[in-house]
Amino acid sequence: MTSKQRAYLKGLAMTIDPIFQIGKAAVTPELTAAVSEALEARELIKLNILKNCAEEGSVLASTLAERTHSQVVQVIGKKIVLYRQAKDEKKRKIVLPK
């Protein structure tokens, strides 16, 4: 992913609300499956890390990205933004700049 594409996705992510919250259980198989489904449906999602989570945001982001085969767009404080292009071309909503 180029810096231009990442900047574009960051701009899109500013307007969306977090759809998942990561608590003290951190990254569970259920969370990974739910995030993967959400990525397939929306392509770009935002997650919120709760205060009772002991893991660092960057560690959680890289773990989730690896398990869901997505890319980390940004991690700011307690917020994570992930992106994965939809497999089905008809479901693709985001067109990245070249």
N, C-alpha and C. Protein backbone atom coordinates (compact mmCIF):
# COMPACT_ATOMS: atom_id res chain seq x y z
N MET A 1 0.84 -1.17 0.00
CA MET A 1 0.00 0.00 0.00
C MET A 1 0.89 1.24 0.00
N THR A 2 0.61 2.13 -0.91
CA THR A 2 1.41 3.34 -1.01
C THR A 2 0.96 4.37 0.03
N SER A 3 1.77 5.38 0.25
CA SER A 3 1.43 6.41 1.23
C SER A 3 0.21 7.21 0.76
N LYS A 4 0.05 7.35 -0.54
CA LYS A 4 -1.11 8.06 -1.10
C LYS A 4 -2.40 7.28 -0.81
N GLN A 5 -2.34 5.96 -0.98
CA GLN A 5 -3.50 5.11 -0.69
C GLN A 5 -3.82 5.12 0.80
N ARG A 6 -2.77 5.05 1.63
CA ARG A 6 -2.97 5.07 3.08
C ARG A 6 -3.61 6.39 3.51
N ALA A 7 -3.15 7.51 2.95
CA ALA A 7 -3.71 8.81 3.28
C ALA A 7 -5.18 8.90 2.87
N TYR A 8 -5.50 8.33 1.73
CA TYR A 8 -6.90 8.31 1.26
C TYR A 8 -7.78 7.53 2.23
N LEU A 9 -7.30 6.36 2.66
CA LEU A 9 -8.06 5.53 3.59
C LEU A 9 -8.20 6.20 4.96
N LYS A 10 -7.15 6.90 5.39
CA LYS A 10 -7.23 7.64 6.67
C LYS A 10 -8.33 8.69 6.59
N GLY A 11 -8.42 9.36 5.46
CA GLY A 11 -9.47 10.35 5.26
C GLY A 11 -10.86 9.75 5.33
N LEU A 12 -11.03 8.59 4.73
CA LEU A 12 -12.32 7.90 4.79
C LEU A 12 -12.62 7.43 6.21
N ALA A 13 -11.60 6.99 6.93
CA ALA A 13 -11.78 6.44 8.28
C ALA A 13 -12.18 7.51 9.29
N MET A 14 -11.87 8.76 9.00
CA MET A 14 -12.20 9.84 9.94
C MET A 14 -13.70 9.94 10.18
N THR A 15 -14.49 9.59 9.19
CA THR A 15 -15.93 9.77 9.29
C THR A 15 -16.67 8.55 9.82
N ILE A 16 -15.99 7.40 9.96
CA ILE A 16 -16.70 6.21 10.42
C ILE A 16 -16.52 6.02 11.92
N ASP A 17 -17.49 5.35 12.53
CA ASP A 17 -17.45 5.06 13.96
C ASP A 17 -16.89 3.67 14.19
N PRO A 18 -16.28 3.43 15.35
CA PRO A 18 -15.78 2.08 15.67
C PRO A 18 -16.94 1.09 15.73
N ILE A 19 -16.76 -0.10 15.16
CA ILE A 19 -17.82 -1.10 15.20
C ILE A 19 -17.47 -2.26 16.13
N PHE A 20 -16.24 -2.30 16.61
CA PHE A 20 -15.83 -3.34 17.56
C PHE A 20 -15.10 -2.70 18.72
N GLN A 21 -15.19 -3.36 19.88
CA GLN A 21 -14.44 -2.95 21.05
C GLN A 21 -13.60 -4.13 21.50
N ILE A 22 -12.33 -3.88 21.76
CA ILE A 22 -11.43 -4.93 22.22
C ILE A 22 -11.22 -4.74 23.72
N GLY A 23 -11.58 -5.76 24.49
CA GLY A 23 -11.47 -5.68 25.95
C GLY A 23 -10.31 -6.48 26.49
N LYS A 24 -10.44 -6.93 27.74
CA LYS A 24 -9.33 -7.62 28.39
C LYS A 24 -9.02 -8.97 27.79
N ALA A 25 -9.97 -9.57 27.06
CA ALA A 25 -9.72 -10.86 26.41
C ALA A 25 -8.81 -10.70 25.20
N ALA A 26 -8.60 -9.47 24.77
CA ALA A 26 -7.75 -9.12 23.62
C ALA A 26 -8.27 -9.79 22.35
N VAL A 27 -7.40 -10.46 21.59
CA VAL A 27 -7.77 -11.03 20.29
C VAL A 27 -8.18 -12.48 20.47
N THR A 28 -9.48 -12.73 20.41
CA THR A 28 -10.01 -14.09 20.52
C THR A 28 -10.36 -14.60 19.11
N PRO A 29 -10.51 -15.91 18.95
CA PRO A 29 -10.92 -16.42 17.63
C PRO A 29 -12.27 -15.86 17.18
N GLU A 30 -13.17 -15.63 18.14
CA GLU A 30 -14.49 -15.07 17.80
C GLU A 30 -14.35 -13.64 17.27
N LEU A 31 -13.50 -12.85 17.91
CA LEU A 31 -13.27 -11.47 17.47
C LEU A 31 -12.64 -11.47 16.08
N THR A 32 -11.68 -12.35 15.87
CA THR A 32 -11.01 -12.44 14.57
C THR A 32 -12.02 -12.78 13.47
N ALA A 33 -12.92 -13.73 13.74
CA ALA A 33 -13.92 -14.12 12.74
C ALA A 33 -14.89 -12.96 12.47
N ALA A 34 -15.30 -12.26 13.52
CA ALA A 34 -16.23 -11.14 13.35
C ALA A 34 -15.57 -10.00 12.57
N VAL A 35 -14.31 -9.71 12.85
CA VAL A 35 -13.59 -8.66 12.14
C VAL A 35 -13.43 -9.04 10.67
N SER A 36 -13.14 -10.30 10.41
CA SER A 36 -12.98 -10.76 9.03
C SER A 36 -14.28 -10.59 8.24
N GLU A 37 -15.41 -10.95 8.87
CA GLU A 37 -16.71 -10.79 8.22
C GLU A 37 -17.01 -9.31 7.95
N ALA A 38 -16.70 -8.47 8.93
CA ALA A 38 -16.95 -7.04 8.77
C ALA A 38 -16.08 -6.45 7.66
N LEU A 39 -14.84 -6.90 7.56
CA LEU A 39 -13.95 -6.43 6.50
C LEU A 39 -14.48 -6.83 5.12
N GLU A 40 -15.04 -8.02 5.03
CA GLU A 40 -15.58 -8.48 3.74
C GLU A 40 -16.79 -7.63 3.36
N ALA A 41 -17.59 -7.24 4.34
CA ALA A 41 -18.79 -6.46 4.06
C ALA A 41 -18.50 -4.98 3.84
N ARG A 42 -17.55 -4.41 4.63
CA ARG A 42 -17.33 -2.96 4.60
C ARG A 42 -15.99 -2.53 4.01
N GLU A 43 -15.01 -3.40 4.00
CA GLU A 43 -13.64 -3.14 3.52
C GLU A 43 -12.81 -2.30 4.47
N LEU A 44 -13.38 -1.26 5.06
CA LEU A 44 -12.65 -0.37 5.97
C LEU A 44 -13.40 -0.32 7.30
N ILE A 45 -12.72 -0.72 8.39
CA ILE A 45 -13.39 -0.71 9.69
C ILE A 45 -12.50 -0.05 10.75
N LYS A 46 -13.15 0.42 11.79
CA LYS A 46 -12.44 1.04 12.90
C LYS A 46 -12.79 0.25 14.16
N LEU A 47 -11.76 0.02 15.00
CA LEU A 47 -11.94 -0.70 16.26
C LEU A 47 -11.50 0.20 17.41
N ASN A 48 -12.14 0.01 18.55
CA ASN A 48 -11.83 0.77 19.74
C ASN A 48 -11.23 -0.17 20.79
N ILE A 49 -10.13 0.22 21.42
CA ILE A 49 -9.51 -0.59 22.47
C ILE A 49 -9.95 -0.02 23.82
N LEU A 50 -10.53 -0.87 24.64
CA LEU A 50 -11.01 -0.43 25.95
C LEU A 50 -9.85 -0.27 26.92
N LYS A 51 -10.09 0.46 28.00
CA LYS A 51 -9.04 0.74 28.98
C LYS A 51 -8.57 -0.51 29.72
N ASN A 52 -9.43 -1.53 29.83
CA ASN A 52 -9.03 -2.73 30.56
C ASN A 52 -8.23 -3.73 29.72
N CYS A 53 -7.90 -3.37 28.49
CA CYS A 53 -7.07 -4.22 27.63
C CYS A 53 -5.60 -3.93 27.92
N ALA A 54 -4.84 -4.99 28.21
CA ALA A 54 -3.44 -4.82 28.58
C ALA A 54 -2.50 -4.69 27.38
N GLU A 55 -2.94 -5.13 26.21
CA GLU A 55 -2.09 -5.11 25.02
C GLU A 55 -1.96 -3.70 24.43
N GLU A 56 -0.85 -3.46 23.78
CA GLU A 56 -0.63 -2.21 23.07
C GLU A 56 -1.44 -2.21 21.76
N GLY A 57 -1.85 -1.03 21.32
CA GLY A 57 -2.63 -0.91 20.10
C GLY A 57 -1.92 -1.41 18.87
N SER A 58 -0.62 -1.12 18.76
CA SER A 58 0.12 -1.56 17.58
C SER A 58 0.25 -3.08 17.53
N VAL A 59 0.39 -3.71 18.69
CA VAL A 59 0.49 -5.18 18.75
C VAL A 59 -0.85 -5.81 18.36
N LEU A 60 -1.93 -5.26 18.90
CA LEU A 60 -3.26 -5.77 18.55
C LEU A 60 -3.55 -5.59 17.07
N ALA A 61 -3.19 -4.44 16.54
CA ALA A 61 -3.44 -4.16 15.12
C ALA A 61 -2.69 -5.13 14.21
N SER A 62 -1.41 -5.36 14.51
CA SER A 62 -0.63 -6.27 13.66
C SER A 62 -1.13 -7.70 13.79
N THR A 63 -1.55 -8.10 14.98
CA THR A 63 -2.09 -9.45 15.18
C THR A 63 -3.38 -9.64 14.40
N LEU A 64 -4.29 -8.68 14.52
CA LEU A 64 -5.55 -8.76 13.79
C LEU A 64 -5.33 -8.71 12.28
N ALA A 65 -4.45 -7.85 11.83
CA ALA A 65 -4.18 -7.75 10.40
C ALA A 65 -3.62 -9.06 9.85
N GLU A 66 -2.73 -9.68 10.62
CA GLU A 66 -2.14 -10.95 10.19
C GLU A 66 -3.20 -12.04 10.12
N ARG A 67 -4.05 -12.11 11.12
CA ARG A 67 -5.06 -13.17 11.19
C ARG A 67 -6.20 -12.99 10.21
N THR A 68 -6.51 -11.74 9.86
CA THR A 68 -7.61 -11.48 8.93
C THR A 68 -7.13 -11.19 7.51
N HIS A 69 -5.82 -11.24 7.30
CA HIS A 69 -5.21 -10.96 5.98
C HIS A 69 -5.60 -9.56 5.49
N SER A 70 -5.55 -8.60 6.42
CA SER A 70 -5.86 -7.21 6.09
C SER A 70 -4.63 -6.34 6.29
N GLN A 71 -4.79 -5.05 6.10
CA GLN A 71 -3.68 -4.12 6.26
C GLN A 71 -4.05 -3.08 7.31
N VAL A 72 -3.08 -2.75 8.15
CA VAL A 72 -3.28 -1.71 9.15
C VAL A 72 -3.15 -0.36 8.46
N VAL A 73 -4.20 0.45 8.53
CA VAL A 73 -4.16 1.78 7.95
C VAL A 73 -3.53 2.74 8.94
N GLN A 74 -4.02 2.69 10.20
CA GLN A 74 -3.43 3.54 11.22
C GLN A 74 -3.81 3.05 12.61
N VAL A 75 -2.99 3.41 13.57
CA VAL A 75 -3.26 3.17 14.98
C VAL A 75 -3.00 4.50 15.68
N ILE A 76 -4.05 5.06 16.26
CA ILE A 76 -3.90 6.30 17.00
C ILE A 76 -4.49 6.07 18.39
N GLY A 77 -3.63 6.06 19.38
CA GLY A 77 -4.09 5.87 20.75
C GLY A 77 -4.84 4.55 20.92
N LYS A 78 -6.12 4.66 21.18
CA LYS A 78 -6.95 3.48 21.41
C LYS A 78 -7.84 3.14 20.21
N LYS A 79 -7.47 3.62 19.04
CA LYS A 79 -8.25 3.36 17.82
C LYS A 79 -7.38 2.67 16.78
N ILE A 80 -7.97 1.66 16.13
CA ILE A 80 -7.29 0.91 15.06
C ILE A 80 -8.16 0.98 13.82
N VAL A 81 -7.54 1.20 12.67
CA VAL A 81 -8.25 1.19 11.39
C VAL A 81 -7.63 0.11 10.52
N LEU A 82 -8.48 -0.81 10.02
CA LEU A 82 -8.02 -1.91 9.16
C LEU A 82 -8.71 -1.82 7.81
N TYR A 83 -8.01 -2.29 6.77
CA TYR A 83 -8.55 -2.31 5.41
C TYR A 83 -8.24 -3.64 4.75
N ARG A 84 -9.24 -4.16 4.06
CA ARG A 84 -9.04 -5.33 3.20
C ARG A 84 -10.02 -5.23 2.04
N GLN A 85 -9.48 -5.33 0.84
CA GLN A 85 -10.33 -5.25 -0.35
C GLN A 85 -11.26 -6.47 -0.39
N ALA A 86 -12.51 -6.25 -0.74
CA ALA A 86 -13.48 -7.34 -0.83
C ALA A 86 -13.08 -8.29 -1.94
N LYS A 87 -13.30 -9.58 -1.71
CA LYS A 87 -12.94 -10.58 -2.71
C LYS A 87 -13.86 -10.51 -3.93
N ASP A 88 -15.14 -10.28 -3.69
CA ASP A 88 -16.13 -10.19 -4.76
C ASP A 88 -16.10 -8.77 -5.36
N GLU A 89 -15.84 -8.67 -6.65
CA GLU A 89 -15.72 -7.37 -7.29
C GLU A 89 -17.00 -6.55 -7.19
N LYS A 90 -18.16 -7.20 -7.13
CA LYS A 90 -19.44 -6.49 -7.04
C LYS A 90 -19.62 -5.83 -5.68
N LYS A 91 -18.96 -6.34 -4.65
CA LYS A 91 -19.10 -5.80 -3.29
C LYS A 91 -18.08 -4.71 -2.99
N ARG A 92 -17.15 -4.46 -3.88
CA ARG A 92 -16.11 -3.46 -3.63
C ARG A 92 -16.70 -2.06 -3.64
N LYS A 93 -16.45 -1.33 -2.54
CA LYS A 93 -16.99 0.00 -2.38
C LYS A 93 -15.90 1.06 -2.48
N ILE A 94 -14.68 0.69 -2.12
CA ILE A 94 -13.58 1.65 -2.06
C ILE A 94 -12.64 1.43 -3.24
N VAL A 95 -12.40 2.49 -3.99
CA VAL A 95 -11.44 2.44 -5.10
C VAL A 95 -10.22 3.24 -4.68
N LEU A 96 -9.10 2.56 -4.54
CA LEU A 96 -7.86 3.22 -4.09
C LEU A 96 -7.22 4.00 -5.24
N PRO A 97 -6.65 5.17 -4.93
CA PRO A 97 -5.90 5.90 -5.96
C PRO A 97 -4.62 5.16 -6.31
N LYS A 98 -4.12 5.37 -7.53
CA LYS A 98 -2.92 4.65 -7.95
C LYS A 98 -1.67 5.42 -7.64
